[in-house]
Amino acid sequence: MNYNRFLELSEEFGEFIVSLHTLYLDSVIGFNILHQRLLDQQNQIKSILGECEEASDEFQDMCFTYYKQLCGEEFNVESTSPLMKQGEVKKRTAHNGTNYILMGRLCVVQAYTYWETYLRKEVGVALGVLDSKVRTKEQEDVILRKYVSIDFWGDMGQLRQAILHHKGIATPKFDKMKSLTWFKPGDPVNLDFDKMKVIFSQMADFRNYLGVLSLPPSNAKFP
């Protein structure tokens, strides 16, 4: 048991969580600002035109807008269309709209990648179940499944699998999930704001547990 290494891993993972969480929050706040800015522009049109068809939400939602009109600056990549229907912008930037769902999925994929490609193995080394001996990937996986298996991370792996390989649809394995039990097989994996709060909270709990394991002597046992 390498107590100092667990402290390092707790700090490293804490920094990773902060960077990912702030990226998520920066993004959803930006979505809210864009959404409100578009609503304000549409309301301004209503105040000018009054009660007429051209001022209605339905008509304005079919009209085009572009980023410079919304933000005052041009962010558009030249090879893509600069025009967007206002209704489409409202829909994707609304609270728990498609932008929220996509950002949640991106964060889950990034978090699980950090776990699977780095943190899980380092936890195994700190526990003393992995060493520097050369072994096959299959042998290493057997050891990690035996000694470094966490329900939360197993569920995150299933979320990632559905997002990347099943068009964002929950697979039959979702029935066996133990921690993140929102979805049934066949459901779209729509990770809204409240679900992402739970995911970030559970990542923070795991960071804290790594910190507990860094405190010798400890009666804590790895789950």
Foldseek 3Di string as FASTA:
>chain_A
DALVLLLVLLVVLVVVLVVLVVVLVVQLVVLVLLLVLLVVVLVVLCVVPPPDPCSDPVNQQQDWDFDCVRPVDHPDDPVDDRIDRNVVSNQQSPALHVVQQVSLLVSLLVVLCCCPVPVLVSVCVSVVQDDDDDDDPVVVVVSSVVAPDDLLSVVSVQQNCCVPPVVQFRACCLVVRDQLNPDHGGDRNRCGPVNSVVNSVVSNVVSVVSNQSSDPPHPDDRD
